[in-house]
Protein backbone atom coordinates (compact mmCIF):
# COMPACT_ATOMS: atom_id res chain seq x y z
CA MET A 1 144.79 79.59 84.23
CA ARG A 2 148.18 82.28 85.78
CA THR A 3 150.87 81.31 87.80
CA TYR A 4 152.18 82.80 90.92
CA ALA A 5 155.04 84.08 89.11
CA GLU A 6 152.38 86.04 86.78
CA LEU A 7 150.97 88.23 89.54
CA PRO A 8 153.13 90.83 89.77
CA GLY A 9 152.79 91.34 86.24
CA LEU A 10 148.85 91.47 86.70
CA MET A 11 149.36 94.18 89.75
CA THR A 12 151.16 96.30 87.55
CA LEU A 13 148.41 96.97 85.37
CA MET A 14 146.71 98.63 88.27
CA THR A 15 147.76 101.94 88.87
CA GLY A 16 147.17 105.09 91.46
CA ASP A 17 147.67 105.96 95.16
CA GLU A 18 143.95 104.30 95.71
CA LYS A 19 145.84 101.27 94.95
CA HIS A 20 147.40 100.82 98.17
CA ASP A 21 150.33 98.32 96.83
CA ALA A 22 152.16 97.86 100.05
CA SER A 23 149.18 96.95 102.04
CA ALA A 24 147.90 94.52 99.28
CA THR A 25 151.55 93.02 98.57
CA SER A 26 151.63 92.00 101.79
CA THR A 27 148.62 89.98 101.54
CA LEU A 28 149.65 88.38 97.70
CA ASP A 29 151.40 85.19 99.08
CA VAL A 30 148.50 84.50 101.76
CA LEU A 31 145.88 84.86 98.87
CA TRP A 32 147.42 82.92 96.47
CA VAL A 33 147.74 79.56 98.82
CA LEU A 34 144.43 79.99 99.88
CA TYR A 35 143.23 80.04 96.02
CA ASP A 36 145.87 78.05 94.64
CA GLN A 37 146.02 74.71 97.15
CA VAL A 38 142.98 75.48 100.05
CA LEU A 39 139.55 77.34 99.41
CA ARG A 40 136.75 74.78 97.61
CA VAL A 41 136.11 77.26 95.47
CA THR A 42 135.73 78.08 91.76
CA PRO A 43 134.75 80.21 89.22
CA ALA A 44 131.58 77.65 88.72
CA SER A 45 130.99 77.42 92.08
CA VAL A 46 130.55 80.83 93.26
CA ASP A 47 127.01 80.24 94.46
CA ASP A 48 127.11 76.73 95.49
CA PRO A 49 125.95 76.54 99.05
CA GLY A 50 128.65 73.79 99.34
CA ARG A 51 131.86 76.22 98.41
CA ASP A 52 134.12 77.82 100.85
CA ARG A 53 133.49 81.12 101.93
CA PHE A 54 136.43 83.95 101.33
CA LEU A 55 136.21 87.08 103.36
CA LEU A 56 138.67 90.10 102.58
CA SER A 57 138.82 92.07 105.78
CA LYS A 58 141.39 94.28 104.63
CA GLY A 59 139.91 95.48 102.30
CA HIS A 60 141.35 99.29 101.40
CA GLY A 61 144.12 97.26 99.85
CA PRO A 62 142.30 95.02 97.16
CA ALA A 63 144.85 95.26 94.23
CA ALA A 64 146.48 91.50 95.33
CA TYR A 65 143.09 90.20 95.38
CA TYR A 66 142.31 91.37 92.53
CA ALA A 67 145.01 89.88 90.57
CA VAL A 68 144.74 86.41 92.18
CA LEU A 69 140.84 86.46 91.07
CA ALA A 70 141.84 87.11 87.89
CA ALA A 71 144.92 84.76 87.73
CA LYS A 72 142.11 82.35 88.52
CA GLY A 73 139.51 83.07 86.17
CA PHE A 74 136.86 84.45 88.65
CA ILE A 75 137.07 88.21 86.81
CA SER A 76 138.61 89.22 83.62
CA GLU A 77 142.10 90.46 83.27
CA SER A 78 141.32 93.12 80.64
CA TRP A 79 139.09 94.54 84.15
CA LEU A 80 142.53 95.42 85.70
CA ALA A 81 143.74 98.14 83.81
CA ASP A 82 140.24 100.06 84.33
CA PHE A 83 140.72 99.59 88.51
CA GLY A 84 139.12 102.43 90.41
CA SER A 85 137.50 104.25 87.03
CA ALA A 86 133.79 105.31 87.41
CA SER A 87 132.81 102.78 84.95
CA SER A 88 134.99 99.37 86.59
CA PRO A 89 133.49 96.83 88.61
CA LEU A 90 136.70 96.91 90.77
CA GLY A 91 136.63 99.66 93.09
CA TYR A 92 139.35 101.28 95.74
CA HIS A 93 137.42 98.79 97.89
CA PRO A 94 135.66 95.09 96.85
CA ASP A 95 131.76 94.82 96.37
CA ARG A 96 129.99 92.20 96.26
CA SER A 97 127.34 93.13 93.97
CA LEU A 98 130.03 93.54 91.22
CA ILE A 99 132.53 90.90 91.39
CA PRO A 100 131.87 87.28 90.88
CA GLY A 101 133.36 85.59 94.01
CA VAL A 102 133.33 88.57 96.14
CA GLU A 103 131.77 87.05 99.57
CA ILE A 104 131.25 90.63 101.38
CA ALA A 105 131.89 94.35 100.55
CA SER A 106 135.07 95.22 102.87
CA GLY A 107 137.24 98.08 103.69
CA SER A 108 136.31 99.34 107.05
CA LEU A 109 138.52 97.97 109.01
CA GLY A 110 137.47 95.27 111.79
CA HIS A 111 133.99 94.08 109.32
CA GLY A 112 135.04 91.15 108.50
CA LEU A 113 136.05 89.22 111.47
CA PRO A 114 132.53 89.65 113.21
CA ILE A 115 131.04 88.92 109.62
CA GLY A 116 133.17 85.79 109.53
CA VAL A 117 131.67 84.47 112.72
CA GLY A 118 128.28 85.19 111.60
CA VAL A 119 128.87 83.49 108.52
CA ALA A 120 130.54 80.22 110.13
CA HIS A 121 127.30 80.08 112.61
CA GLY A 122 124.63 80.48 110.03
CA LEU A 123 125.96 77.75 107.83
CA LEU A 124 126.20 75.32 110.75
CA ALA A 125 122.62 76.43 111.48
CA GLN A 126 121.56 75.35 108.08
CA GLY A 127 123.08 72.13 108.79
CA LEU A 128 126.15 73.27 106.15
CA SER A 129 129.32 71.49 108.15
CA GLY A 130 131.46 71.31 105.06
CA PRO A 131 132.32 74.55 103.98
CA ARG A 132 134.94 76.41 105.75
CA VAL A 133 134.99 80.33 106.20
CA TYR A 134 138.37 82.23 105.87
CA VAL A 135 138.94 85.54 107.30
CA LEU A 136 141.92 88.11 106.31
CA VAL A 137 142.77 90.48 108.67
CA GLY A 138 145.52 92.44 109.44
CA ASP A 139 147.50 93.04 112.51
CA ALA A 140 146.60 96.43 112.95
CA GLU A 141 143.21 96.09 112.16
CA LEU A 142 142.56 93.97 115.04
CA ASP A 143 142.92 97.04 116.94
CA GLU A 144 139.32 97.34 116.40
CA GLY A 145 136.92 96.55 119.40
CA SER A 146 134.23 94.82 117.17
CA ASN A 147 137.27 92.46 116.68
CA SER A 148 137.50 91.54 120.25
CA GLU A 149 134.10 91.20 120.62
CA ALA A 150 134.22 88.52 117.70
CA ILE A 151 136.95 86.54 119.21
CA VAL A 152 135.44 86.13 122.36
CA TYR A 153 132.07 84.87 120.73
CA ALA A 154 133.67 82.56 118.28
CA GLY A 155 136.26 80.53 121.10
CA ALA A 156 132.92 80.42 123.72
CA ALA A 157 130.48 78.80 120.57
CA GLY A 158 133.36 76.71 119.36
CA LEU A 159 133.04 77.37 115.48
CA PRO A 160 134.72 74.48 114.01
CA ASN A 161 134.37 75.99 110.56
CA LEU A 162 135.99 79.02 111.53
CA THR A 163 139.83 80.54 110.43
CA VAL A 164 141.60 83.64 110.53
CA VAL A 165 144.90 84.13 108.72
CA ALA A 166 146.07 87.43 110.57
CA VAL A 167 148.89 89.33 108.33
CA ASP A 168 150.70 90.48 110.83
CA ASN A 169 153.75 93.37 109.73
CA GLN A 170 153.88 94.72 113.16
CA SER A 171 151.87 97.94 112.58
CA SER A 172 149.25 97.51 115.48
CA SER A 173 148.92 100.73 117.12
CA TRP A 174 149.66 99.41 120.72
CA GLY A 175 151.48 96.07 119.84
CA TRP A 176 150.62 92.58 121.41
CA GLY A 177 152.53 91.84 124.04
CA PRO A 178 154.55 88.63 125.25
CA GLY A 179 152.94 85.63 123.28
CA GLY A 180 151.90 88.38 120.23
CA ILE A 181 148.60 88.11 118.58
CA GLU A 182 148.19 84.02 118.50
CA ALA A 183 148.00 84.24 122.92
CA HIS A 184 145.13 87.05 122.24
CA PHE A 185 143.21 84.60 120.30
CA ALA A 186 144.27 81.30 122.37
CA ALA A 187 143.08 83.10 125.32
CA ALA A 188 139.81 83.28 123.82
CA GLY A 189 139.57 79.17 123.22
CA TRP A 190 140.84 79.24 119.42
CA SER A 191 143.91 76.92 118.21
CA ALA A 192 146.82 79.55 117.32
CA THR A 193 149.96 79.09 115.07
CA ARG A 194 152.43 81.76 113.34
CA VAL A 195 154.41 81.38 109.84
CA SER A 196 156.09 83.27 107.49
CA GLY A 197 153.45 84.81 105.41
CA ARG A 198 156.22 84.37 102.35
CA ASP A 199 156.53 80.48 102.95
CA HIS A 200 153.91 78.62 100.98
CA ASP A 201 154.40 75.40 102.08
CA ALA A 202 153.89 76.66 105.83
CA LEU A 203 151.03 77.90 104.55
CA ALA A 204 149.12 75.73 103.42
CA ALA A 205 150.08 73.25 106.05
CA ALA A 206 148.72 75.78 108.32
CA PHE A 207 145.57 75.96 106.24
CA ARG A 208 144.75 72.66 106.10
CA VAL A 209 144.77 71.68 109.97
CA THR A 210 140.85 70.40 109.96
CA SER A 211 138.61 70.42 112.73
CA ALA A 212 139.44 66.97 113.79
CA ALA A 213 142.62 68.41 115.45
CA PHE A 214 140.83 70.69 116.74
CA SER A 215 137.15 71.69 117.77
CA GLY A 216 137.22 75.32 117.89
CA PRO A 217 138.41 78.14 115.57
CA GLN A 218 141.29 78.31 113.94
CA LEU A 219 144.17 81.32 113.78
CA VAL A 220 147.01 81.42 111.35
CA VAL A 221 149.47 84.55 111.79
CA ALA A 222 151.25 85.05 108.72
CA THR A 223 154.42 87.15 109.25
CA VAL A 224 155.63 89.56 106.55
CA GLU A 225 158.32 92.41 106.56
CA ARG A 226 156.69 95.60 107.50
CA LYS A 227 157.43 97.85 104.14
CA GLY A 228 156.08 100.91 105.43
CA GLU A 229 151.99 101.08 104.73
CA SER A 230 150.34 99.59 108.06
CA ARG A 231 146.76 98.26 108.51
């Protein structure tokens, strides 16, 4: 197993313009905290019905995701250098049929949160109240109308097993006005908190708020400095 300090080195193994380096780097700390401290899933339990589910909606910049999956043993590090080639399972967008541990094929902005709502609802319908669904979205991605519908529905349904983390690098086209992203979710019945997207302790604490404290869906806004790439 690798450490957090080794992640940048793993990311350098992946090259090319489609790496979307800035977009990927903005998610690195959130991904690490989830896989290192929060998610109840391992390489051996990727098919266990009782596992937590992580859905990367911001799938167009997967380099950090691949680095974390390699660091945690879900995929071989040898795959990274072949990123994006015709023979590589590591495409420019993650493919759930090719990569162990990947829950959804993502990349089309606005799809991950609606899918996450469906997964959370489906788990409860099967009587599986233990697994939690985590969805990572970008702040500009929330401009997509499909997300608005999913936010309202999840709040009305009171889904207690759903957590969304929005990586906010202030790249939304129209901005969010007073209260930011969290006010938009809170108005629909979500609990919402904002922390630094680089503070591992704060992120872990925010993710560990359970349904015992709030009976509906939860939002964590992770603020990061914008470095020239949107979404």
